[in-house]
Amino acid sequence: MQTISIAQSLLGGSLIGVAAVLMMATLGRITGVSGITSGLLSLNISADTVWRLAFVIGLLVGPFFYLLAGGELPEVVVDKRLPYLIAGGLLVGFGTTLGSGCASGHGVCGVSRISPRSLIATGIFIVSGMITVFITS
């Protein structure tokens, strides 16, 4: 199993930040994965459909380009039963709708814009995660 180095983490985080800045600079849009995906899944074909589709395809094929460049993907082990995974996915979907965005949108893009809503949402994400780890560990 491969471990992720600090340099890899810094590079990955920097690329996420650069991508968010480029999205805002070129399209005037916030890089929130749930918002981009929900806009694509609305089945309302518009001018936004092309860039949304390109974004989602990039998320899906990115790991393959990483492998082609000689990278090694870490082993992913899921040790929970399917009903828990389904319930968790539904709760995340409901939460992103209720919170007007996902953790990536609020944490990366909203906090960097000093959005009060995103600052509060990100704080709630962190506290909820801490409570969940405490309860389930």
Protein backbone atom coordinates (compact mmCIF):
# COMPACT_ATOMS: atom_id res chain seq x y z
CA MET A 1 0.00 0.00 0.00
CA GLN A 2 1.31 3.43 -0.95
CA THR A 3 1.44 6.27 1.54
CA ILE A 4 0.81 9.82 0.42
CA SER A 5 3.71 12.19 1.06
CA ILE A 6 3.47 15.73 2.32
CA ALA A 7 4.76 16.95 -1.06
CA GLN A 8 1.99 15.05 -2.88
CA SER A 9 -0.60 16.50 -0.52
CA LEU A 10 0.71 20.04 -1.03
CA LEU A 11 0.77 19.59 -4.80
CA GLY A 12 -2.76 18.17 -4.85
CA GLY A 13 -4.11 20.95 -2.64
CA SER A 14 -2.37 23.57 -4.74
CA LEU A 15 -3.85 22.13 -7.94
CA ILE A 16 -7.32 22.24 -6.39
CA GLY A 17 -6.78 25.88 -5.45
CA VAL A 18 -5.48 26.78 -8.91
CA ALA A 19 -8.43 24.98 -10.55
CA ALA A 20 -10.87 26.91 -8.33
CA VAL A 21 -9.22 30.23 -9.23
CA LEU A 22 -9.20 29.37 -12.95
CA MET A 23 -12.88 28.41 -12.84
CA MET A 24 -13.77 31.73 -11.22
CA ALA A 25 -11.48 33.73 -13.51
CA THR A 26 -12.60 32.12 -16.77
CA LEU A 27 -16.26 31.22 -16.20
CA GLY A 28 -17.16 33.30 -13.16
CA ARG A 29 -18.37 30.10 -11.47
CA ILE A 30 -17.63 28.53 -8.09
CA THR A 31 -16.01 25.10 -8.19
CA GLY A 32 -18.47 23.20 -6.03
CA VAL A 33 -18.71 19.58 -7.16
CA SER A 34 -22.28 19.05 -5.93
CA GLY A 35 -23.54 22.19 -7.66
CA ILE A 36 -21.78 21.35 -10.91
CA THR A 37 -23.06 17.77 -10.86
CA SER A 38 -26.62 18.66 -9.88
CA GLY A 39 -26.72 21.22 -12.69
CA LEU A 40 -25.62 18.50 -15.09
CA LEU A 41 -28.12 15.96 -13.74
CA SER A 42 -31.04 18.39 -14.03
CA LEU A 43 -31.29 17.28 -17.69
CA ASN A 44 -31.88 20.89 -18.69
CA ILE A 45 -29.55 21.30 -21.69
CA SER A 46 -28.04 24.78 -21.67
CA ALA A 47 -24.81 26.62 -22.41
CA ASP A 48 -23.52 25.42 -19.01
CA THR A 49 -23.88 21.75 -19.96
CA VAL A 50 -20.59 21.58 -21.91
CA TRP A 51 -18.31 22.86 -19.16
CA ARG A 52 -20.19 20.90 -16.47
CA LEU A 53 -19.79 17.70 -18.50
CA ALA A 54 -16.09 18.44 -19.11
CA PHE A 55 -15.58 19.02 -15.38
CA VAL A 56 -17.24 15.74 -14.37
CA ILE A 57 -15.40 13.78 -17.09
CA GLY A 58 -12.15 15.33 -15.83
CA LEU A 59 -12.91 14.11 -12.32
CA LEU A 60 -13.50 10.59 -13.62
CA VAL A 61 -10.49 10.32 -15.97
CA GLY A 62 -8.00 12.25 -13.82
CA PRO A 63 -6.81 9.15 -11.94
CA PHE A 64 -6.10 7.36 -15.23
CA PHE A 65 -3.84 10.22 -16.35
CA TYR A 66 -2.11 10.02 -12.98
CA LEU A 67 -1.48 6.30 -13.58
CA LEU A 68 -0.20 6.98 -17.10
CA ALA A 69 2.25 9.53 -15.65
CA GLY A 70 3.69 6.78 -13.45
CA GLY A 71 1.71 7.42 -10.30
CA GLU A 72 0.34 4.68 -8.09
CA LEU A 73 -3.17 4.89 -6.67
CA PRO A 74 -3.54 4.11 -2.96
CA GLU A 75 -5.51 1.03 -1.99
CA VAL A 76 -9.07 1.86 -0.96
CA VAL A 77 -10.72 -0.43 1.58
CA VAL A 78 -14.41 -0.05 2.37
CA ASP A 79 -15.22 -1.96 5.53
CA LYS A 80 -18.87 -0.98 6.02
CA ARG A 81 -21.95 -2.84 4.90
CA LEU A 82 -23.91 -1.71 1.85
CA PRO A 83 -26.95 -0.35 3.78
CA TYR A 84 -24.67 2.00 5.73
CA LEU A 85 -23.02 3.19 2.52
CA ILE A 86 -26.40 3.84 0.89
CA ALA A 87 -27.69 5.68 3.97
CA GLY A 88 -24.52 7.75 4.11
CA GLY A 89 -24.78 8.66 0.43
CA LEU A 90 -28.41 9.72 0.82
CA LEU A 91 -27.59 11.81 3.89
CA VAL A 92 -24.73 13.52 2.04
CA GLY A 93 -27.01 14.25 -0.92
CA PHE A 94 -29.68 15.66 1.37
CA GLY A 95 -27.09 17.69 3.29
CA THR A 96 -25.57 19.24 0.18
CA THR A 97 -29.03 20.29 -0.94
CA LEU A 98 -29.94 21.65 2.49
CA GLY A 99 -26.58 23.39 2.92
CA SER A 100 -26.50 24.85 -0.60
CA GLY A 101 -23.27 23.05 -1.42
CA CYS A 102 -20.82 20.38 -0.43
CA ALA A 103 -17.74 20.45 1.76
CA SER A 104 -15.46 21.08 -1.22
CA GLY A 105 -17.49 24.04 -2.44
CA HIS A 106 -17.85 25.65 0.97
CA GLY A 107 -14.41 24.68 2.31
CA VAL A 108 -12.26 25.51 -0.69
CA CYS A 109 -14.19 28.19 -2.55
CA GLY A 110 -16.49 29.69 0.08
CA VAL A 111 -13.92 30.06 2.84
CA SER A 112 -11.42 31.61 0.41
CA ARG A 113 -14.08 34.20 -0.50
CA ILE A 114 -14.79 34.76 3.22
CA SER A 115 -18.43 33.81 2.68
CA PRO A 116 -20.20 33.84 6.08
CA ARG A 117 -22.47 30.98 4.97
CA SER A 118 -19.45 28.90 3.95
CA LEU A 119 -17.52 29.70 7.12
CA ILE A 120 -20.46 28.47 9.20
CA ALA A 121 -21.06 25.43 6.99
CA THR A 122 -17.38 24.43 7.08
CA GLY A 123 -17.32 24.75 10.86
CA ILE A 124 -20.41 22.54 11.08
CA PHE A 125 -18.77 19.98 8.74
CA ILE A 126 -15.68 19.82 10.93
CA VAL A 127 -17.59 19.52 14.21
CA SER A 128 -19.96 16.91 12.73
CA GLY A 129 -17.00 14.90 11.49
CA MET A 130 -15.34 15.03 14.89
CA ILE A 131 -18.54 13.89 16.60
CA THR A 132 -19.01 11.09 14.08
CA VAL A 133 -15.45 9.83 14.59
CA PHE A 134 -15.89 9.99 18.36
CA ILE A 135 -19.16 8.01 18.22
CA THR A 136 -18.06 5.41 15.67
CA SER A 137 -14.50 4.76 16.92
